[in-house]
Amino acid sequence: MNLLKSCTLFIYLFFTYTSSSAEVFDEKLLFKKGDWEVALLRYDDRSTACIARNGLGNKEFQIYVNADVDEFAIFYDNSNVNKNLKKFHYAVDDLASWYSESPYYDSGWLIVDLTNESEKALRVLIKEIRKGQELFHLDDNNKIISKFSLKGSAASLTELEKCVREQGFWN
């Protein structure tokens, strides 16, 4: 009887765990301009996400949207830079900086969930990114950690919005 319970528990945990951790199984490049690209991600659980990203070498800045979240994220390969930050702090060109006091860290990524941010603030930020030349990632003391080119960002954000609408994430 104990063997039957153990097998049942194992099967339940196996299927529960594997079904709740979706893996990307397909990535379709939708657009590329300048240092930016937009892609549609398809997961093995049949969910999708749209992503606009700028990544050269060992770093990447991305805007990620799926049915549940809108996120900004920055990644550094082989670095603990993000792990030690208390804020997600960034600025476009010489404009006032933006920050979140509640980012989270996941496998090298510093992520801020924009889902609960005001729509007005997000529109201002997106407008700055569209028109800007560079995005600066800042440390907790407002010192530049790195910069990302915004060349191609206006067209890429238009394509990201198109992807998001086609996937039914926004009205």
C-alpha atoms as a PDB file:
ATOM      1  CA  MET A   1       0.000   0.000   0.000  1.00  0.00           C
ATOM      2  CA  ASN A   2       2.862   2.407   0.811  1.00  0.00           C
ATOM      3  CA  LEU A   3       4.382   1.729  -2.611  1.00  0.00           C
ATOM      4  CA  LEU A   4       1.102   2.700  -4.301  1.00  0.00           C
ATOM      5  CA  LYS A   5       0.900   5.954  -2.299  1.00  0.00           C
ATOM      6  CA  SER A   6       4.523   6.778  -3.103  1.00  0.00           C
ATOM      7  CA  CYS A   7       4.023   6.157  -6.830  1.00  0.00           C
ATOM      8  CA  THR A   8       0.849   8.231  -6.877  1.00  0.00           C
ATOM      9  CA  LEU A   9       2.572  11.090  -5.052  1.00  0.00           C
ATOM     10  CA  PHE A  10       5.558  10.928  -7.439  1.00  0.00           C
ATOM     11  CA  ILE A  11       3.318  11.023 -10.532  1.00  0.00           C
ATOM     12  CA  TYR A  12       1.274  13.907  -9.107  1.00  0.00           C
ATOM     13  CA  LEU A  13       4.369  15.954  -8.250  1.00  0.00           C
ATOM     14  CA  PHE A  14       5.987  15.210 -11.605  1.00  0.00           C
ATOM     15  CA  PHE A  15       3.024  16.423 -13.626  1.00  0.00           C
ATOM     16  CA  THR A  16       2.270  19.357 -11.322  1.00  0.00           C
ATOM     17  CA  TYR A  17       5.858  20.603 -11.432  1.00  0.00           C
ATOM     18  CA  THR A  18       6.378  20.178 -15.167  1.00  0.00           C
ATOM     19  CA  SER A  19       3.069  21.782 -16.072  1.00  0.00           C
ATOM     20  CA  SER A  20       3.680  24.876 -13.933  1.00  0.00           C
ATOM     21  CA  SER A  21       7.145  25.689 -15.266  1.00  0.00           C
ATOM     22  CA  ALA A  22       6.700  26.584 -18.910  1.00  0.00           C
ATOM     23  CA  GLU A  23       9.744  26.519 -21.163  1.00  0.00           C
ATOM     24  CA  VAL A  24      10.241  28.519 -24.349  1.00  0.00           C
ATOM     25  CA  PHE A  25       9.999  26.125 -27.259  1.00  0.00           C
ATOM     26  CA  ASP A  26       9.823  28.606 -30.131  1.00  0.00           C
ATOM     27  CA  GLU A  27      11.047  32.117 -30.739  1.00  0.00           C
ATOM     28  CA  LYS A  28       9.976  34.007 -33.841  1.00  0.00           C
ATOM     29  CA  LEU A  29      11.904  37.154 -34.733  1.00  0.00           C
ATOM     30  CA  LEU A  30       9.320  39.742 -35.799  1.00  0.00           C
ATOM     31  CA  PHE A  31      11.466  42.818 -36.335  1.00  0.00           C
ATOM     32  CA  LYS A  32      15.047  44.069 -36.116  1.00  0.00           C
ATOM     33  CA  LYS A  33      16.307  47.631 -36.390  1.00  0.00           C
ATOM     34  CA  GLY A  34      19.448  49.219 -35.021  1.00  0.00           C
ATOM     35  CA  ASP A  35      20.409  47.521 -31.799  1.00  0.00           C
ATOM     36  CA  TRP A  36      16.830  46.373 -31.124  1.00  0.00           C
ATOM     37  CA  GLU A  37      14.783  43.335 -32.009  1.00  0.00           C
ATOM     38  CA  VAL A  38      11.241  42.215 -31.292  1.00  0.00           C
ATOM     39  CA  ALA A  39      10.288  38.563 -30.908  1.00  0.00           C
ATOM     40  CA  LEU A  40       7.269  36.425 -30.153  1.00  0.00           C
ATOM     41  CA  LEU A  41       8.003  33.698 -27.621  1.00  0.00           C
ATOM     42  CA  ARG A  42       5.900  30.549 -27.547  1.00  0.00           C
ATOM     43  CA  TYR A  43       5.982  28.325 -24.476  1.00  0.00           C
ATOM     44  CA  ASP A  44       5.312  24.618 -24.146  1.00  0.00           C
ATOM     45  CA  ASP A  45       2.149  25.348 -22.122  1.00  0.00           C
ATOM     46  CA  ARG A  46       0.761  27.206 -25.200  1.00  0.00           C
ATOM     47  CA  SER A  47       1.179  30.645 -23.630  1.00  0.00           C
ATOM     48  CA  THR A  48       2.992  33.427 -25.489  1.00  0.00           C
ATOM     49  CA  ALA A  49       4.954  36.582 -24.739  1.00  0.00           C
ATOM     50  CA  CYS A  50       6.186  39.545 -26.752  1.00  0.00           C
ATOM     51  CA  ILE A  51       9.633  40.948 -26.129  1.00  0.00           C
ATOM     52  CA  ALA A  52      11.583  43.974 -27.329  1.00  0.00           C
ATOM     53  CA  ARG A  53      15.245  43.688 -26.470  1.00  0.00           C
ATOM     54  CA  ASN A  54      18.573  45.355 -26.901  1.00  0.00           C
ATOM     55  CA  GLY A  55      21.544  43.156 -26.214  1.00  0.00           C
ATOM     56  CA  LEU A  56      25.142  43.463 -27.251  1.00  0.00           C
ATOM     57  CA  GLY A  57      27.770  41.131 -25.885  1.00  0.00           C
ATOM     58  CA  ASN A  58      27.289  40.270 -22.254  1.00  0.00           C
ATOM     59  CA  LYS A  59      24.338  42.509 -21.371  1.00  0.00           C
ATOM     60  CA  GLU A  60      20.704  42.887 -22.362  1.00  0.00           C
ATOM     61  CA  PHE A  61      17.854  45.311 -21.727  1.00  0.00           C
ATOM     62  CA  GLN A  62      14.363  44.047 -22.465  1.00  0.00           C
ATOM     63  CA  ILE A  63      10.703  44.926 -22.278  1.00  0.00           C
ATOM     64  CA  TYR A  64       8.671  41.745 -21.759  1.00  0.00           C
ATOM     65  CA  VAL A  65       4.879  41.479 -22.023  1.00  0.00           C
ATOM     66  CA  ASN A  66       2.619  38.468 -21.575  1.00  0.00           C
ATOM     67  CA  ALA A  67      -0.971  37.981 -20.426  1.00  0.00           C
ATOM     68  CA  ASP A  68      -0.005  38.559 -16.780  1.00  0.00           C
ATOM     69  CA  VAL A  69       2.902  41.015 -16.652  1.00  0.00           C
ATOM     70  CA  ASP A  70       4.620  43.988 -18.260  1.00  0.00           C
ATOM     71  CA  GLU A  71       8.284  44.029 -17.229  1.00  0.00           C
ATOM     72  CA  PHE A  72      11.522  45.920 -17.753  1.00  0.00           C
ATOM     73  CA  ALA A  73      14.619  43.860 -17.135  1.00  0.00           C
ATOM     74  CA  ILE A  74      18.384  44.158 -17.404  1.00  0.00           C
ATOM     75  CA  PHE A  75      20.774  41.215 -17.540  1.00  0.00           C
ATOM     76  CA  TYR A  76      24.544  40.987 -17.196  1.00  0.00           C
ATOM     77  CA  ASP A  77      26.335  37.766 -18.076  1.00  0.00           C
ATOM     78  CA  ASN A  78      29.006  36.588 -15.632  1.00  0.00           C
ATOM     79  CA  SER A  79      28.406  39.447 -13.217  1.00  0.00           C
ATOM     80  CA  ASN A  80      26.845  39.992  -9.813  1.00  0.00           C
ATOM     81  CA  VAL A  81      26.067  43.651 -10.534  1.00  0.00           C
ATOM     82  CA  ASN A  82      22.304  43.207 -10.378  1.00  0.00           C
ATOM     83  CA  LYS A  83      22.372  40.942  -7.341  1.00  0.00           C
ATOM     84  CA  ASN A  84      23.608  43.722  -5.052  1.00  0.00           C
ATOM     85  CA  LEU A  85      21.233  46.478  -6.194  1.00  0.00           C
ATOM     86  CA  LYS A  86      18.362  47.581  -3.965  1.00  0.00           C
ATOM     87  CA  LYS A  87      16.688  49.643  -6.721  1.00  0.00           C
ATOM     88  CA  PHE A  88      16.116  49.291 -10.448  1.00  0.00           C
ATOM     89  CA  HIS A  89      17.365  52.731 -11.482  1.00  0.00           C
ATOM     90  CA  TYR A  90      17.588  53.966 -15.079  1.00  0.00           C
ATOM     91  CA  ALA A  91      17.529  57.163 -17.113  1.00  0.00           C
ATOM     92  CA  VAL A  92      17.090  58.139 -20.742  1.00  0.00           C
ATOM     93  CA  ASP A  93      19.676  60.627 -22.027  1.00  0.00           C
ATOM     94  CA  ASP A  94      20.017  63.536 -19.586  1.00  0.00           C
ATOM     95  CA  LEU A  95      16.372  63.404 -18.459  1.00  0.00           C
ATOM     96  CA  ALA A  96      15.293  62.746 -14.879  1.00  0.00           C
ATOM     97  CA  SER A  97      15.886  59.161 -13.795  1.00  0.00           C
ATOM     98  CA  TRP A  98      13.281  56.504 -13.124  1.00  0.00           C
ATOM     99  CA  TYR A  99      13.479  53.879 -10.410  1.00  0.00           C
ATOM    100  CA  SER A 100      11.659  51.111  -8.644  1.00  0.00           C
ATOM    101  CA  GLU A 101      12.340  50.302  -5.013  1.00  0.00           C
ATOM    102  CA  SER A 102      10.888  46.818  -5.431  1.00  0.00           C
ATOM    103  CA  PRO A 103      12.740  45.040  -8.237  1.00  0.00           C
ATOM    104  CA  TYR A 104      13.423  41.351  -8.019  1.00  0.00           C
ATOM    105  CA  TYR A 105      16.455  39.355  -9.052  1.00  0.00           C
ATOM    106  CA  ASP A 106      16.197  36.151 -11.096  1.00  0.00           C
ATOM    107  CA  SER A 107      19.167  34.283 -12.612  1.00  0.00           C
ATOM    108  CA  GLY A 108      21.177  37.394 -13.448  1.00  0.00           C
ATOM    109  CA  TRP A 109      18.160  39.513 -14.401  1.00  0.00           C
ATOM    110  CA  LEU A 110      17.086  42.590 -12.437  1.00  0.00           C
ATOM    111  CA  ILE A 111      13.367  42.898 -13.119  1.00  0.00           C
ATOM    112  CA  VAL A 112      10.706  45.467 -12.360  1.00  0.00           C
ATOM    113  CA  ASP A 113       7.044  44.604 -12.835  1.00  0.00           C
ATOM    114  CA  LEU A 114       5.296  47.552 -14.484  1.00  0.00           C
ATOM    115  CA  THR A 115       1.821  46.033 -14.278  1.00  0.00           C
ATOM    116  CA  ASN A 116       0.742  48.239 -11.381  1.00  0.00           C
ATOM    117  CA  GLU A 117       2.414  51.453 -12.548  1.00  0.00           C
ATOM    118  CA  SER A 118       0.253  54.375 -13.633  1.00  0.00           C
ATOM    119  CA  GLU A 119      -0.580  54.419 -17.316  1.00  0.00           C
ATOM    120  CA  LYS A 120       0.411  58.081 -17.519  1.00  0.00           C
ATOM    121  CA  ALA A 121       3.895  57.407 -16.123  1.00  0.00           C
ATOM    122  CA  LEU A 122       4.382  54.466 -18.497  1.00  0.00           C
ATOM    123  CA  ARG A 123       3.406  56.603 -21.492  1.00  0.00           C
ATOM    124  CA  VAL A 124       5.964  59.235 -20.493  1.00  0.00           C
ATOM    125  CA  LEU A 125       8.666  56.575 -20.068  1.00  0.00           C
ATOM    126  CA  ILE A 126       7.865  54.920 -23.415  1.00  0.00           C
ATOM    127  CA  LYS A 127       7.912  58.334 -25.108  1.00  0.00           C
ATOM    128  CA  GLU A 128      11.366  59.019 -23.633  1.00  0.00           C
ATOM    129  CA  ILE A 129      12.656  55.651 -24.844  1.00  0.00           C
ATOM    130  CA  ARG A 130      11.198  56.193 -28.335  1.00  0.00           C
ATOM    131  CA  LYS A 131      12.843  59.612 -28.691  1.00  0.00           C
ATOM    132  CA  GLY A 132      16.013  58.954 -26.707  1.00  0.00           C
ATOM    133  CA  GLN A 133      19.539  58.150 -27.782  1.00  0.00           C
ATOM    134  CA  GLU A 134      20.730  56.109 -24.785  1.00  0.00           C
ATOM    135  CA  LEU A 135      19.300  54.369 -21.746  1.00  0.00           C
ATOM    136  CA  PHE A 136      21.561  54.383 -18.698  1.00  0.00           C
ATOM    137  CA  HIS A 137      21.397  51.717 -16.000  1.00  0.00           C
ATOM    138  CA  LEU A 138      22.347  53.375 -12.714  1.00  0.00           C
ATOM    139  CA  ASP A 139      23.478  51.968  -9.402  1.00  0.00           C
ATOM    140  CA  ASP A 140      21.918  52.863  -6.041  1.00  0.00           C
ATOM    141  CA  ASN A 141      24.171  55.980  -5.898  1.00  0.00           C
ATOM    142  CA  ASN A 142      23.134  57.238  -9.380  1.00  0.00           C
ATOM    143  CA  LYS A 143      26.436  56.192 -10.970  1.00  0.00           C
ATOM    144  CA  ILE A 144      26.304  54.704 -14.473  1.00  0.00           C
ATOM    145  CA  ILE A 145      26.684  50.911 -14.554  1.00  0.00           C
ATOM    146  CA  SER A 146      26.178  50.632 -18.306  1.00  0.00           C
ATOM    147  CA  LYS A 147      24.359  52.173 -21.233  1.00  0.00           C
ATOM    148  CA  PHE A 148      22.177  50.813 -24.019  1.00  0.00           C
ATOM    149  CA  SER A 149      21.656  52.404 -27.418  1.00  0.00           C
ATOM    150  CA  LEU A 150      18.090  53.419 -28.170  1.00  0.00           C
ATOM    151  CA  LYS A 151      18.758  53.515 -31.919  1.00  0.00           C
ATOM    152  CA  GLY A 152      15.823  51.648 -33.455  1.00  0.00           C
ATOM    153  CA  SER A 153      13.753  51.766 -30.266  1.00  0.00           C
ATOM    154  CA  ALA A 154      10.871  53.814 -31.731  1.00  0.00           C
ATOM    155  CA  ALA A 155      10.206  51.350 -34.540  1.00  0.00           C
ATOM    156  CA  SER A 156      10.784  48.380 -32.214  1.00  0.00           C
ATOM    157  CA  LEU A 157       8.280  49.654 -29.651  1.00  0.00           C
ATOM    158  CA  THR A 158       5.717  50.094 -32.428  1.00  0.00           C
ATOM    159  CA  GLU A 159       6.289  46.456 -33.422  1.00  0.00           C
ATOM    160  CA  LEU A 160       6.123  45.364 -29.768  1.00  0.00           C
ATOM    161  CA  GLU A 161       2.743  47.079 -29.405  1.00  0.00           C
ATOM    162  CA  LYS A 162       1.559  45.336 -32.575  1.00  0.00           C
ATOM    163  CA  CYS A 163       2.650  41.942 -31.200  1.00  0.00           C
ATOM    164  CA  VAL A 164       0.991  42.630 -27.840  1.00  0.00           C
ATOM    165  CA  ARG A 165      -2.311  43.576 -29.486  1.00  0.00           C
ATOM    166  CA  GLU A 166      -2.208  40.545 -31.825  1.00  0.00           C
ATOM    167  CA  GLN A 167      -1.699  38.262 -28.807  1.00  0.00           C
ATOM    168  CA  GLY A 168      -4.657  39.918 -27.039  1.00  0.00           C
ATOM    169  CA  PHE A 169      -2.651  41.199 -24.051  1.00  0.00           C
ATOM    170  CA  TRP A 170      -3.897  44.797 -24.459  1.00  0.00           C
ATOM    171  CA  ASN A 171      -7.138  46.131 -25.882  1.00  0.00           C
END
